[in-house]
Amino acid sequence: MSLNSMHTLSIMASPSTKEFIILGITHEGKTFRPSDWAERLAGVMSQFRPGGAVPGDYISYSPWCVPNQIDGYKCVVVHSDLRQAEPMAWDFVMNFAKDNQLKVKTPSEEAAGLASKN
């Protein structure tokens, strides 16, 4: 299965799903721009972390919202713990994906797509 043929994951996935991948690919199959969107989104979300932000700490990404790359496409891995800890932050990230018509997958869906390529 290629990234262009992936179907969209409903935001209301199984309660056992722990991570979601927001892919830098629109539902139309176009690469999302700007090219640093994943780093920007994860940067905005960096304050939302286990135990909260600590004044004086170095700037780093939250473990709940991490930029990454899959098959050369930018993506952001969002952990469901963000939803329980900061519901408004979760809504912000998921609405970002929805508003920009980005594909959202689970790691198991992504792994299945990669395995079918081999």
PDB file of N, CA and C in Angstrom:
ATOM      1  N   MET A   1       0.855  -1.184   0.000  1.00  0.00           N
ATOM      2  CA  MET A   1       0.000   0.000   0.000  1.00  0.00           C
ATOM      3  C   MET A   1       0.893   1.235   0.000  1.00  0.00           C
ATOM      4  N   SER A   2       0.672   2.153  -0.905  1.00  0.00           N
ATOM      5  CA  SER A   2       1.452   3.374  -0.954  1.00  0.00           C
ATOM      6  C   SER A   2       0.793   4.442  -0.097  1.00  0.00           C
ATOM      7  N   LEU A   3       1.562   5.487   0.201  1.00  0.00           N
ATOM      8  CA  LEU A   3       1.009   6.583   0.990  1.00  0.00           C
ATOM      9  C   LEU A   3      -0.153   7.241   0.262  1.00  0.00           C
ATOM     10  N   ASN A   4      -0.112   7.262  -1.062  1.00  0.00           N
ATOM     11  CA  ASN A   4      -1.195   7.883  -1.814  1.00  0.00           C
ATOM     12  C   ASN A   4      -2.495   7.108  -1.735  1.00  0.00           C
ATOM     13  N   SER A   5      -2.430   5.807  -1.455  1.00  0.00           N
ATOM     14  CA  SER A   5      -3.650   5.021  -1.412  1.00  0.00           C
ATOM     15  C   SER A   5      -4.175   4.795   0.000  1.00  0.00           C
ATOM     16  N   MET A   6      -3.506   5.373   1.001  1.00  0.00           N
ATOM     17  CA  MET A   6      -3.959   5.189   2.386  1.00  0.00           C
ATOM     18  C   MET A   6      -5.296   5.867   2.596  1.00  0.00           C
ATOM     19  N   HIS A   7      -6.156   5.237   3.378  1.00  0.00           N
ATOM     20  CA  HIS A   7      -7.420   5.864   3.707  1.00  0.00           C
ATOM     21  C   HIS A   7      -7.297   6.569   5.053  1.00  0.00           C
ATOM     22  N   THR A   8      -8.172   7.479   5.300  1.00  0.00           N
ATOM     23  CA  THR A   8      -8.104   8.317   6.488  1.00  0.00           C
ATOM     24  C   THR A   8      -8.569   7.567   7.715  1.00  0.00           C
ATOM     25  N   LEU A   9      -7.874   7.813   8.816  1.00  0.00           N
ATOM     26  CA  LEU A   9      -8.244   7.248  10.100  1.00  0.00           C
ATOM     27  C   LEU A   9      -9.209   8.193  10.788  1.00  0.00           C
ATOM     28  N   SER A  10     -10.256   7.645  11.320  1.00  0.00           N
ATOM     29  CA  SER A  10     -11.165   8.464  12.108  1.00  0.00           C
ATOM     30  C   SER A  10     -10.462   8.888  13.382  1.00  0.00           C
ATOM     31  N   ILE A  11     -10.654  10.119  13.798  1.00  0.00           N
ATOM     32  CA  ILE A  11     -10.048  10.625  15.029  1.00  0.00           C
ATOM     33  C   ILE A  11     -10.558   9.813  16.213  1.00  0.00           C
ATOM     34  N   MET A  12     -11.737   9.239  16.114  1.00  0.00           N
ATOM     35  CA  MET A  12     -12.317   8.434  17.187  1.00  0.00           C
ATOM     36  C   MET A  12     -11.905   6.981  17.013  1.00  0.00           C
ATOM     37  N   ALA A  13     -10.610   6.710  17.060  1.00  0.00           N
ATOM     38  CA  ALA A  13     -10.091   5.356  16.876  1.00  0.00           C
ATOM     39  C   ALA A  13     -10.289   4.540  18.145  1.00  0.00           C
ATOM     40  N   SER A  14      -9.876   3.308  18.083  1.00  0.00           N
ATOM     41  CA  SER A  14      -9.979   2.396  19.212  1.00  0.00           C
ATOM     42  C   SER A  14      -9.332   3.001  20.457  1.00  0.00           C
ATOM     43  N   PRO A  15      -9.945   2.802  21.631  1.00  0.00           N
ATOM     44  CA  PRO A  15      -9.363   3.336  22.866  1.00  0.00           C
ATOM     45  C   PRO A  15      -7.969   2.777  23.149  1.00  0.00           C
ATOM     46  N   SER A  16      -7.617   1.632  22.574  1.00  0.00           N
ATOM     47  CA  SER A  16      -6.300   1.043  22.813  1.00  0.00           C
ATOM     48  C   SER A  16      -5.210   1.685  21.949  1.00  0.00           C
ATOM     49  N   THR A  17      -5.603   2.481  20.965  1.00  0.00           N
ATOM     50  CA  THR A  17      -4.634   3.157  20.115  1.00  0.00           C
ATOM     51  C   THR A  17      -3.912   4.214  20.932  1.00  0.00           C
ATOM     52  N   LYS A  18      -2.588   4.142  20.972  1.00  0.00           N
ATOM     53  CA  LYS A  18      -1.797   5.065  21.779  1.00  0.00           C
ATOM     54  C   LYS A  18      -1.150   6.183  20.975  1.00  0.00           C
ATOM     55  N   GLU A  19      -0.889   5.935  19.700  1.00  0.00           N
ATOM     56  CA  GLU A  19      -0.229   6.941  18.882  1.00  0.00           C
ATOM     57  C   GLU A  19      -0.961   7.128  17.557  1.00  0.00           C
ATOM     58  N   PHE A  20      -0.887   8.342  17.083  1.00  0.00           N
ATOM     59  CA  PHE A  20      -1.437   8.696  15.786  1.00  0.00           C
ATOM     60  C   PHE A  20      -0.330   9.377  14.998  1.00  0.00           C
ATOM     61  N   ILE A  21      -0.319   9.148  13.698  1.00  0.00           N
ATOM     62  CA  ILE A  21       0.666   9.769  12.835  1.00  0.00           C
ATOM     63  C   ILE A  21      -0.062  10.722  11.901  1.00  0.00           C
ATOM     64  N   ILE A  22       0.263  11.995  12.019  1.00  0.00           N
ATOM     65  CA  ILE A  22      -0.269  12.994  11.094  1.00  0.00           C
ATOM     66  C   ILE A  22       0.749  13.099   9.968  1.00  0.00           C
ATOM     67  N   LEU A  23       0.347  12.674   8.792  1.00  0.00           N
ATOM     68  CA  LEU A  23       1.243  12.654   7.638  1.00  0.00           C
ATOM     69  C   LEU A  23       1.180  13.969   6.869  1.00  0.00           C
ATOM     70  N   GLY A  24       2.297  14.365   6.322  1.00  0.00           N
ATOM     71  CA  GLY A  24       2.373  15.584   5.526  1.00  0.00           C
ATOM     72  C   GLY A  24       1.904  15.365   4.107  1.00  0.00           C
ATOM     73  N   ILE A  25       0.793  14.648   3.996  1.00  0.00           N
ATOM     74  CA  ILE A  25       0.190  14.351   2.696  1.00  0.00           C
ATOM     75  C   ILE A  25      -1.298  14.659   2.805  1.00  0.00           C
ATOM     76  N   THR A  26      -1.817  15.427   1.884  1.00  0.00           N
ATOM     77  CA  THR A  26      -3.233  15.751   1.916  1.00  0.00           C
ATOM     78  C   THR A  26      -4.041  14.562   1.394  1.00  0.00           C
ATOM     79  N   HIS A  27      -5.347  14.623   1.609  1.00  0.00           N
ATOM     80  CA  HIS A  27      -6.230  13.571   1.102  1.00  0.00           C
ATOM     81  C   HIS A  27      -6.171  13.476  -0.418  1.00  0.00           C
ATOM     82  N   GLU A  28      -5.738  14.563  -1.072  1.00  0.00           N
ATOM     83  CA  GLU A  28      -5.596  14.568  -2.533  1.00  0.00           C
ATOM     84  C   GLU A  28      -4.243  14.016  -2.978  1.00  0.00           C
ATOM     85  N   GLY A  29      -3.383  13.642  -2.002  1.00  0.00           N
ATOM     86  CA  GLY A  29      -2.086  13.080  -2.338  1.00  0.00           C
ATOM     87  C   GLY A  29      -0.975  14.090  -2.534  1.00  0.00           C
ATOM     88  N   LYS A  30      -1.223  15.344  -2.199  1.00  0.00           N
ATOM     89  CA  LYS A  30      -0.213  16.392  -2.368  1.00  0.00           C
ATOM     90  C   LYS A  30       0.632  16.532  -1.103  1.00  0.00           C
ATOM     91  N   THR A  31       1.907  16.860  -1.285  1.00  0.00           N
ATOM     92  CA  THR A  31       2.797  17.110  -0.155  1.00  0.00           C
ATOM     93  C   THR A  31       2.384  18.416   0.500  1.00  0.00           C
ATOM     94  N   PHE A  32       2.244  18.379   1.835  1.00  0.00           N
ATOM     95  CA  PHE A  32       1.824  19.560   2.580  1.00  0.00           C
ATOM     96  C   PHE A  32       2.989  20.535   2.713  1.00  0.00           C
ATOM     97  N   ARG A  33       2.696  21.794   2.586  1.00  0.00           N
ATOM     98  CA  ARG A  33       3.676  22.873   2.719  1.00  0.00           C
ATOM     99  C   ARG A  33       3.256  23.811   3.828  1.00  0.00           C
ATOM    100  N   PRO A  34       4.150  24.484   4.508  1.00  0.00           N
ATOM    101  CA  PRO A  34       5.578  24.616   4.241  1.00  0.00           C
ATOM    102  C   PRO A  34       6.342  23.362   4.634  1.00  0.00           C
ATOM    103  N   SER A  35       7.558  23.255   4.162  1.00  0.00           N
ATOM    104  CA  SER A  35       8.329  22.031   4.373  1.00  0.00           C
ATOM    105  C   SER A  35       8.684  21.783   5.836  1.00  0.00           C
ATOM    106  N   ASP A  36       8.649  22.808   6.670  1.00  0.00           N
ATOM    107  CA  ASP A  36       8.969  22.631   8.090  1.00  0.00           C
ATOM    108  C   ASP A  36       7.719  22.598   8.977  1.00  0.00           C
ATOM    109  N   TRP A  37       6.570  22.254   8.402  1.00  0.00           N
ATOM    110  CA  TRP A  37       5.317  22.266   9.159  1.00  0.00           C
ATOM    111  C   TRP A  37       5.379  21.355  10.377  1.00  0.00           C
ATOM    112  N   ALA A  38       6.009  20.192  10.270  1.00  0.00           N
ATOM    113  CA  ALA A  38       6.040  19.222  11.374  1.00  0.00           C
ATOM    114  C   ALA A  38       6.829  19.782  12.557  1.00  0.00           C
ATOM    115  N   GLU A  39       7.959  20.407  12.269  1.00  0.00           N
ATOM    116  CA  GLU A  39       8.764  21.000  13.334  1.00  0.00           C
ATOM    117  C   GLU A  39       8.032  22.176  13.973  1.00  0.00           C
ATOM    118  N   ARG A  40       7.330  22.955  13.167  1.00  0.00           N
ATOM    119  CA  ARG A  40       6.559  24.089  13.707  1.00  0.00           C
ATOM    120  C   ARG A  40       5.447  23.608  14.630  1.00  0.00           C
ATOM    121  N   LEU A  41       4.692  22.603  14.174  1.00  0.00           N
ATOM    122  CA  LEU A  41       3.587  22.089  14.982  1.00  0.00           C
ATOM    123  C   LEU A  41       4.114  21.486  16.280  1.00  0.00           C
ATOM    124  N   ALA A  42       5.148  20.660  16.196  1.00  0.00           N
ATOM    125  CA  ALA A  42       5.728  20.055  17.398  1.00  0.00           C
ATOM    126  C   ALA A  42       6.322  21.123  18.315  1.00  0.00           C
ATOM    127  N   GLY A  43       6.870  22.176  17.742  1.00  0.00           N
ATOM    128  CA  GLY A  43       7.417  23.272  18.552  1.00  0.00           C
ATOM    129  C   GLY A  43       6.341  23.978  19.347  1.00  0.00           C
ATOM    130  N   VAL A  44       5.206  24.237  18.720  1.00  0.00           N
ATOM    131  CA  VAL A  44       4.081  24.871  19.409  1.00  0.00           C
ATOM    132  C   VAL A  44       3.588  23.981  20.549  1.00  0.00           C
ATOM    133  N   MET A  45       3.651  22.663  20.343  1.00  0.00           N
ATOM    134  CA  MET A  45       3.145  21.710  21.327  1.00  0.00           C
ATOM    135  C   MET A  45       4.189  21.333  22.382  1.00  0.00           C
ATOM    136  N   SER A  46       5.396  21.874  22.298  1.00  0.00           N
ATOM    137  CA  SER A  46       6.485  21.444  23.187  1.00  0.00           C
ATOM    138  C   SER A  46       6.207  21.691  24.669  1.00  0.00           C
ATOM    139  N   GLN A  47       5.382  22.655  24.981  1.00  0.00           N
ATOM    140  CA  GLN A  47       5.081  22.944  26.391  1.00  0.00           C
ATOM    141  C   GLN A  47       4.187  21.893  27.030  1.00  0.00           C
ATOM    142  N   PHE A  48       3.497  21.104  26.232  1.00  0.00           N
ATOM    143  CA  PHE A  48       2.585  20.090  26.754  1.00  0.00           C
ATOM    144  C   PHE A  48       3.347  18.780  26.891  1.00  0.00           C
ATOM    145  N   ARG A  49       3.680  18.454  28.139  1.00  0.00           N
ATOM    146  CA  ARG A  49       4.522  17.293  28.411  1.00  0.00           C
ATOM    147  C   ARG A  49       4.195  16.727  29.775  1.00  0.00           C
ATOM    148  N   PRO A  50       4.599  15.476  30.028  1.00  0.00           N
ATOM    149  CA  PRO A  50       4.362  14.905  31.357  1.00  0.00           C
ATOM    150  C   PRO A  50       4.992  15.793  32.437  1.00  0.00           C
ATOM    151  N   GLY A  51       4.219  16.154  33.425  1.00  0.00           N
ATOM    152  CA  GLY A  51       4.713  17.013  34.492  1.00  0.00           C
ATOM    153  C   GLY A  51       4.699  18.488  34.149  1.00  0.00           C
ATOM    154  N   GLY A  52       4.347  18.833  32.922  1.00  0.00           N
ATOM    155  CA  GLY A  52       4.282  20.231  32.507  1.00  0.00           C
ATOM    156  C   GLY A  52       5.651  20.794  32.172  1.00  0.00           C
ATOM    157  N   ALA A  53       5.639  21.976  31.602  1.00  0.00           N
ATOM    158  CA  ALA A  53       6.887  22.658  31.243  1.00  0.00           C
ATOM    159  C   ALA A  53       7.589  23.117  32.515  1.00  0.00           C
ATOM    160  N   VAL A  54       8.911  23.047  32.523  1.00  0.00           N
ATOM    161  CA  VAL A  54       9.707  23.451  33.678  1.00  0.00           C
ATOM    162  C   VAL A  54      10.501  24.693  33.299  1.00  0.00           C
ATOM    163  N   PRO A  55      10.268  25.807  34.015  1.00  0.00           N
ATOM    164  CA  PRO A  55      11.027  27.023  33.717  1.00  0.00           C
ATOM    165  C   PRO A  55      12.534  26.773  33.806  1.00  0.00           C
ATOM    166  N   GLY A  56      13.269  27.283  32.836  1.00  0.00           N
ATOM    167  CA  GLY A  56      14.717  27.138  32.826  1.00  0.00           C
ATOM    168  C   GLY A  56      15.213  25.904  32.086  1.00  0.00           C
ATOM    169  N   ASP A  57      14.315  24.978  31.731  1.00  0.00           N
ATOM    170  CA  ASP A  57      14.720  23.793  30.972  1.00  0.00           C
ATOM    171  C   ASP A  57      15.075  24.186  29.544  1.00  0.00           C
ATOM    172  N   TYR A  58      15.903  23.371  28.930  1.00  0.00           N
ATOM    173  CA  TYR A  58      16.215  23.571  27.525  1.00  0.00           C
ATOM    174  C   TYR A  58      14.964  23.308  26.697  1.00  0.00           C
ATOM    175  N   ILE A  59      14.892  23.965  25.566  1.00  0.00           N
ATOM    176  CA  ILE A  59      13.763  23.749  24.665  1.00  0.00           C
ATOM    177  C   ILE A  59      13.910  22.369  24.035  1.00  0.00           C
ATOM    178  N   SER A  60      12.829  21.603  24.071  1.00  0.00           N
ATOM    179  CA  SER A  60      12.815  20.281  23.444  1.00  0.00           C
ATOM    180  C   SER A  60      11.382  19.940  23.068  1.00  0.00           C
ATOM    181  N   TYR A  61      11.244  18.985  22.169  1.00  0.00           N
ATOM    182  CA  TYR A  61       9.909  18.547  21.786  1.00  0.00           C
ATOM    183  C   TYR A  61       9.269  17.755  22.913  1.00  0.00           C
ATOM    184  N   SER A  62       7.968  17.843  23.002  1.00  0.00           N
ATOM    185  CA  SER A  62       7.218  17.045  23.955  1.00  0.00           C
ATOM    186  C   SER A  62       7.243  15.584  23.505  1.00  0.00           C
ATOM    187  N   PRO A  63       7.341  14.638  24.431  1.00  0.00           N
ATOM    188  CA  PRO A  63       7.263  13.231  24.018  1.00  0.00           C
ATOM    189  C   PRO A  63       5.876  12.868  23.493  1.00  0.00           C
ATOM    190  N   TRP A  64       4.907  13.749  23.671  1.00  0.00           N
ATOM    191  CA  TRP A  64       3.546  13.515  23.202  1.00  0.00           C
ATOM    192  C   TRP A  64       3.307  14.023  21.783  1.00  0.00           C
ATOM    193  N   CYS A  65       4.270  14.758  21.214  1.00  0.00           N
ATOM    194  CA  CYS A  65       4.094  15.351  19.882  1.00  0.00           C
ATOM    195  C   CYS A  65       5.475  15.535  19.250  1.00  0.00           C
ATOM    196  N   VAL A  66       5.890  14.564  18.438  1.00  0.00           N
ATOM    197  CA  VAL A  66       7.257  14.517  17.938  1.00  0.00           C
ATOM    198  C   VAL A  66       7.283  14.530  16.410  1.00  0.00           C
ATOM    199  N   PRO A  67       8.077  15.425  15.813  1.00  0.00           N
ATOM    200  CA  PRO A  67       8.207  15.405  14.354  1.00  0.00           C
ATOM    201  C   PRO A  67       9.040  14.205  13.921  1.00  0.00           C
ATOM    202  N   ASN A  68       8.761  13.700  12.724  1.00  0.00           N
ATOM    203  CA  ASN A  68       9.454  12.533  12.222  1.00  0.00           C
ATOM    204  C   ASN A  68       9.351  12.544  10.699  1.00  0.00           C
ATOM    205  N   GLN A  69       9.832  11.455  10.071  1.00  0.00           N
ATOM    206  CA  GLN A  69       9.703  11.286   8.628  1.00  0.00           C
ATOM    207  C   GLN A  69       9.368   9.832   8.322  1.00  0.00           C
ATOM    208  N   ILE A  70       8.461   9.624   7.389  1.00  0.00           N
ATOM    209  CA  ILE A  70       8.110   8.285   6.917  1.00  0.00           C
ATOM    210  C   ILE A  70       8.137   8.319   5.390  1.00  0.00           C
ATOM    211  N   ASP A  71       8.911   7.433   4.814  1.00  0.00           N
ATOM    212  CA  ASP A  71       9.031   7.359   3.355  1.00  0.00           C
ATOM    213  C   ASP A  71       9.366   8.714   2.735  1.00  0.00           C
ATOM    214  N   GLY A  72      10.158   9.514   3.427  1.00  0.00           N
ATOM    215  CA  GLY A  72      10.552  10.817   2.907  1.00  0.00           C
ATOM    216  C   GLY A  72       9.527  11.915   3.117  1.00  0.00           C
ATOM    217  N   TYR A  73       8.403  11.590   3.751  1.00  0.00           N
ATOM    218  CA  TYR A  73       7.367  12.591   4.031  1.00  0.00           C
ATOM    219  C   TYR A  73       7.439  13.011   5.492  1.00  0.00           C
ATOM    220  N   LYS A  74       7.296  14.307   5.731  1.00  0.00           N
ATOM    221  CA  LYS A  74       7.244  14.809   7.100  1.00  0.00           C
ATOM    222  C   LYS A  74       5.981  14.282   7.765  1.00  0.00           C
ATOM    223  N   CYS A  75       6.083  14.066   9.079  1.00  0.00           N
ATOM    224  CA  CYS A  75       4.925  13.648   9.850  1.00  0.00           C
ATOM    225  C   CYS A  75       5.128  14.064  11.299  1.00  0.00           C
ATOM    226  N   VAL A  76       4.066  13.989  12.074  1.00  0.00           N
ATOM    227  CA  VAL A  76       4.126  14.235  13.508  1.00  0.00           C
ATOM    228  C   VAL A  76       3.459  13.050  14.195  1.00  0.00           C
ATOM    229  N   VAL A  77       4.166  12.460  15.153  1.00  0.00           N
ATOM    230  CA  VAL A  77       3.619  11.362  15.937  1.00  0.00           C
ATOM    231  C   VAL A  77       3.024  11.976  17.203  1.00  0.00           C
ATOM    232  N   VAL A  78       1.722  11.754  17.396  1.00  0.00           N
ATOM    233  CA  VAL A  78       1.002  12.326  18.539  1.00  0.00           C
ATOM    234  C   VAL A  78       0.547  11.187  19.446  1.00  0.00           C
ATOM    235  N   HIS A  79       0.929  11.249  20.710  1.00  0.00           N
ATOM    236  CA  HIS A  79       0.568  10.206  21.673  1.00  0.00           C
ATOM    237  C   HIS A  79      -0.772  10.546  22.314  1.00  0.00           C
ATOM    238  N   SER A  80      -1.593   9.525  22.525  1.00  0.00           N
ATOM    239  CA  SER A  80      -2.931   9.750  23.079  1.00  0.00           C
ATOM    240  C   SER A  80      -2.917  10.254  24.519  1.00  0.00           C
ATOM    241  N   ASP A  81      -1.782  10.146  25.210  1.00  0.00           N
ATOM    242  CA  ASP A  81      -1.699  10.712  26.564  1.00  0.00           C
ATOM    243  C   ASP A  81      -1.937  12.219  26.550  1.00  0.00           C
ATOM    244  N   LEU A  82      -1.635  12.858  25.433  1.00  0.00           N
ATOM    245  CA  LEU A  82      -1.899  14.291  25.299  1.00  0.00           C
ATOM    246  C   LEU A  82      -3.394  14.566  25.454  1.00  0.00           C
ATOM    247  N   ARG A  83      -4.215  13.684  24.904  1.00  0.00           N
ATOM    248  CA  ARG A  83      -5.675  13.860  24.980  1.00  0.00           C
ATOM    249  C   ARG A  83      -6.150  13.878  26.437  1.00  0.00           C
ATOM    250  N   GLN A  84      -5.611  12.967  27.265  1.00  0.00           N
ATOM    251  CA  GLN A  84      -6.026  12.915  28.671  1.00  0.00           C
ATOM    252  C   GLN A  84      -5.461  14.077  29.473  1.00  0.00           C
ATOM    253  N   ALA A  85      -4.214  14.455  29.207  1.00  0.00           N
ATOM    254  CA  ALA A  85      -3.557  15.500  29.994  1.00  0.00           C
ATOM    255  C   ALA A  85      -4.005  16.906  29.596  1.00  0.00           C
ATOM    256  N   GLU A  86      -4.155  17.139  28.304  1.00  0.00           N
ATOM    257  CA  GLU A  86      -4.469  18.478  27.789  1.00  0.00           C
ATOM    258  C   GLU A  86      -5.456  18.363  26.630  1.00  0.00           C
ATOM    259  N   PRO A  87      -6.744  18.191  26.931  1.00  0.00           N
ATOM    260  CA  PRO A  87      -7.736  17.999  25.853  1.00  0.00           C
ATOM    261  C   PRO A  87      -7.756  19.118  24.812  1.00  0.00           C
ATOM    262  N   MET A  88      -7.541  20.355  25.232  1.00  0.00           N
ATOM    263  CA  MET A  88      -7.561  21.454  24.251  1.00  0.00           C
ATOM    264  C   MET A  88      -6.349  21.384  23.320  1.00  0.00           C
ATOM    265  N   ALA A  89      -5.208  20.958  23.832  1.00  0.00           N
ATOM    266  CA  ALA A  89      -4.018  20.800  23.000  1.00  0.00           C
ATOM    267  C   ALA A  89      -4.239  19.664  21.994  1.00  0.00           C
ATOM    268  N   TRP A  90      -4.848  18.573  22.468  1.00  0.00           N
ATOM    269  CA  TRP A  90      -5.188  17.448  21.580  1.00  0.00           C
ATOM    270  C   TRP A  90      -6.107  17.928  20.457  1.00  0.00           C
ATOM    271  N   ASP A  91      -7.143  18.668  20.819  1.00  0.00           N
ATOM    272  CA  ASP A  91      -8.080  19.183  19.817  1.00  0.00           C
ATOM    273  C   ASP A  91      -7.363  20.078  18.811  1.00  0.00           C
ATOM    274  N   PHE A  92      -6.434  20.898  19.298  1.00  0.00           N
ATOM    275  CA  PHE A  92      -5.681  21.785  18.417  1.00  0.00           C
ATOM    276  C   PHE A  92      -4.923  20.985  17.357  1.00  0.00           C
ATOM    277  N   VAL A  93      -4.200  19.953  17.792  1.00  0.00           N
ATOM    278  CA  VAL A  93      -3.397  19.145  16.866  1.00  0.00           C
ATOM    279  C   VAL A  93      -4.288  18.409  15.872  1.00  0.00           C
ATOM    280  N   MET A  94      -5.341  17.786  16.375  1.00  0.00           N
ATOM    281  CA  MET A  94      -6.214  17.020  15.471  1.00  0.00           C
ATOM    282  C   MET A  94      -6.998  17.935  14.531  1.00  0.00           C
ATOM    283  N   ASN A  95      -7.370  19.105  15.017  1.00  0.00           N
ATOM    284  CA  ASN A  95      -8.047  20.061  14.130  1.00  0.00           C
ATOM    285  C   ASN A  95      -7.085  20.625  13.084  1.00  0.00           C
ATOM    286  N   PHE A  96      -5.806  20.748  13.442  1.00  0.00           N
ATOM    287  CA  PHE A  96      -4.801  21.162  12.464  1.00  0.00           C
ATOM    288  C   PHE A  96      -4.796  20.175  11.300  1.00  0.00           C
ATOM    289  N   ALA A  97      -4.768  18.884  11.637  1.00  0.00           N
ATOM    290  CA  ALA A  97      -4.777  17.844  10.590  1.00  0.00           C
ATOM    291  C   ALA A  97      -6.059  17.919   9.766  1.00  0.00           C
ATOM    292  N   LYS A  98      -7.178  18.052  10.452  1.00  0.00           N
ATOM    293  CA  LYS A  98      -8.472  18.105   9.759  1.00  0.00           C
ATOM    294  C   LYS A  98      -8.583  19.343   8.866  1.00  0.00           C
ATOM    295  N   ASP A  99      -8.244  20.505   9.420  1.00  0.00           N
ATOM    296  CA  ASP A  99      -8.366  21.763   8.674  1.00  0.00           C
ATOM    297  C   ASP A  99      -7.478  21.789   7.437  1.00  0.00           C
ATOM    298  N   ASN A 100      -6.324  21.114   7.516  1.00  0.00           N
ATOM    299  CA  ASN A 100      -5.393  21.087   6.392  1.00  0.00           C
ATOM    300  C   ASN A 100      -5.527  19.831   5.540  1.00  0.00           C
ATOM    301  N   GLN A 101      -6.572  19.040   5.832  1.00  0.00           N
ATOM    302  CA  GLN A 101      -6.897  17.830   5.072  1.00  0.00           C
ATOM    303  C   GLN A 101      -5.716  16.866   4.992  1.00  0.00           C
ATOM    304  N   LEU A 102      -5.036  16.688   6.157  1.00  0.00           N
ATOM    305  CA  LEU A 102      -3.898  15.779   6.223  1.00  0.00           C
ATOM    306  C   LEU A 102      -4.351  14.382   6.617  1.00  0.00           C
ATOM    307  N   LYS A 103      -3.652  13.390   6.125  1.00  0.00           N
ATOM    308  CA  LYS A 103      -3.958  12.005   6.468  1.00  0.00           C
ATOM    309  C   LYS A 103      -3.478  11.716   7.884  1.00  0.00           C
ATOM    310  N   VAL A 104      -4.277  10.960   8.637  1.00  0.00           N
ATOM    311  CA  VAL A 104      -3.939  10.564  10.000  1.00  0.00           C
ATOM    312  C   VAL A 104      -4.036   9.048  10.071  1.00  0.00           C
ATOM    313  N   LYS A 105      -2.969   8.417  10.554  1.00  0.00           N
ATOM    314  CA  LYS A 105      -2.897   6.955  10.615  1.00  0.00           C
ATOM    315  C   LYS A 105      -2.452   6.524  12.010  1.00  0.00           C
ATOM    316  N   THR A 106      -2.592   5.231  12.289  1.00  0.00           N
ATOM    317  CA  THR A 106      -1.992   4.641  13.487  1.00  0.00           C
ATOM    318  C   THR A 106      -0.710   3.942  13.046  1.00  0.00           C
ATOM    319  N   PRO A 107       0.233   3.701  13.970  1.00  0.00           N
ATOM    320  CA  PRO A 107       1.459   2.990  13.579  1.00  0.00           C
ATOM    321  C   PRO A 107       1.177   1.616  12.972  1.00  0.00           C
ATOM    322  N   SER A 108       0.156   0.909  13.461  1.00  0.00           N
ATOM    323  CA  SER A 108      -0.135  -0.415  12.900  1.00  0.00           C
ATOM    324  C   SER A 108      -0.623  -0.305  11.456  1.00  0.00           C
ATOM    325  N   GLU A 109      -1.405   0.723  11.158  1.00  0.00           N
ATOM    326  CA  GLU A 109      -1.839   0.934   9.775  1.00  0.00           C
ATOM    327  C   GLU A 109      -0.650   1.287   8.895  1.00  0.00           C
ATOM    328  N   GLU A 110       0.241   2.112   9.427  1.00  0.00           N
ATOM    329  CA  GLU A 110       1.422   2.518   8.671  1.00  0.00           C
ATOM    330  C   GLU A 110       2.332   1.322   8.426  1.00  0.00           C
ATOM    331  N   ALA A 111       2.541   0.487   9.453  1.00  0.00           N
ATOM    332  CA  ALA A 111       3.394  -0.696   9.308  1.00  0.00           C
ATOM    333  C   ALA A 111       2.799  -1.665   8.278  1.00  0.00           C
ATOM    334  N   ALA A 112       1.486  -1.813   8.292  1.00  0.00           N
ATOM    335  CA  ALA A 112       0.835  -2.686   7.326  1.00  0.00           C
ATOM    336  C   ALA A 112       1.055  -2.177   5.913  1.00  0.00           C
ATOM    337  N   GLY A 113       1.008  -0.864   5.751  1.00  0.00           N
ATOM    338  CA  GLY A 113       1.250  -0.270   4.433  1.00  0.00           C
ATOM    339  C   GLY A 113       2.672  -0.475   3.972  1.00  0.00           C
ATOM    340  N   LEU A 114       3.649  -0.355   4.883  1.00  0.00           N
ATOM    341  CA  LEU A 114       5.041  -0.561   4.527  1.00  0.00           C
ATOM    342  C   LEU A 114       5.318  -2.030   4.239  1.00  0.00           C
ATOM    343  N   ALA A 115       4.708  -2.940   5.008  1.00  0.00           N
ATOM    344  CA  ALA A 115       4.930  -4.365   4.813  1.00  0.00           C
ATOM    345  C   ALA A 115       4.401  -4.814   3.447  1.00  0.00           C
ATOM    346  N   SER A 116       3.311  -4.215   3.001  1.00  0.00           N
ATOM    347  CA  SER A 116       2.740  -4.634   1.715  1.00  0.00           C
ATOM    348  C   SER A 116       3.595  -4.170   0.540  1.00  0.00           C
ATOM    349  N   LYS A 117       4.497  -3.225   0.784  1.00  0.00           N
ATOM    350  CA  LYS A 117       5.409  -2.767  -0.274  1.00  0.00           C
ATOM    351  C   LYS A 117       6.516  -3.780  -0.520  1.00  0.00           C
ATOM    352  N   ASN A 118       6.859  -4.572   0.517  1.00  0.00           N
ATOM    353  CA  ASN A 118       7.987  -5.513   0.406  1.00  0.00           C
ATOM    354  C   ASN A 118       7.566  -6.810  -0.227  1.00  0.00           C
TER     355      ASN A 118
END
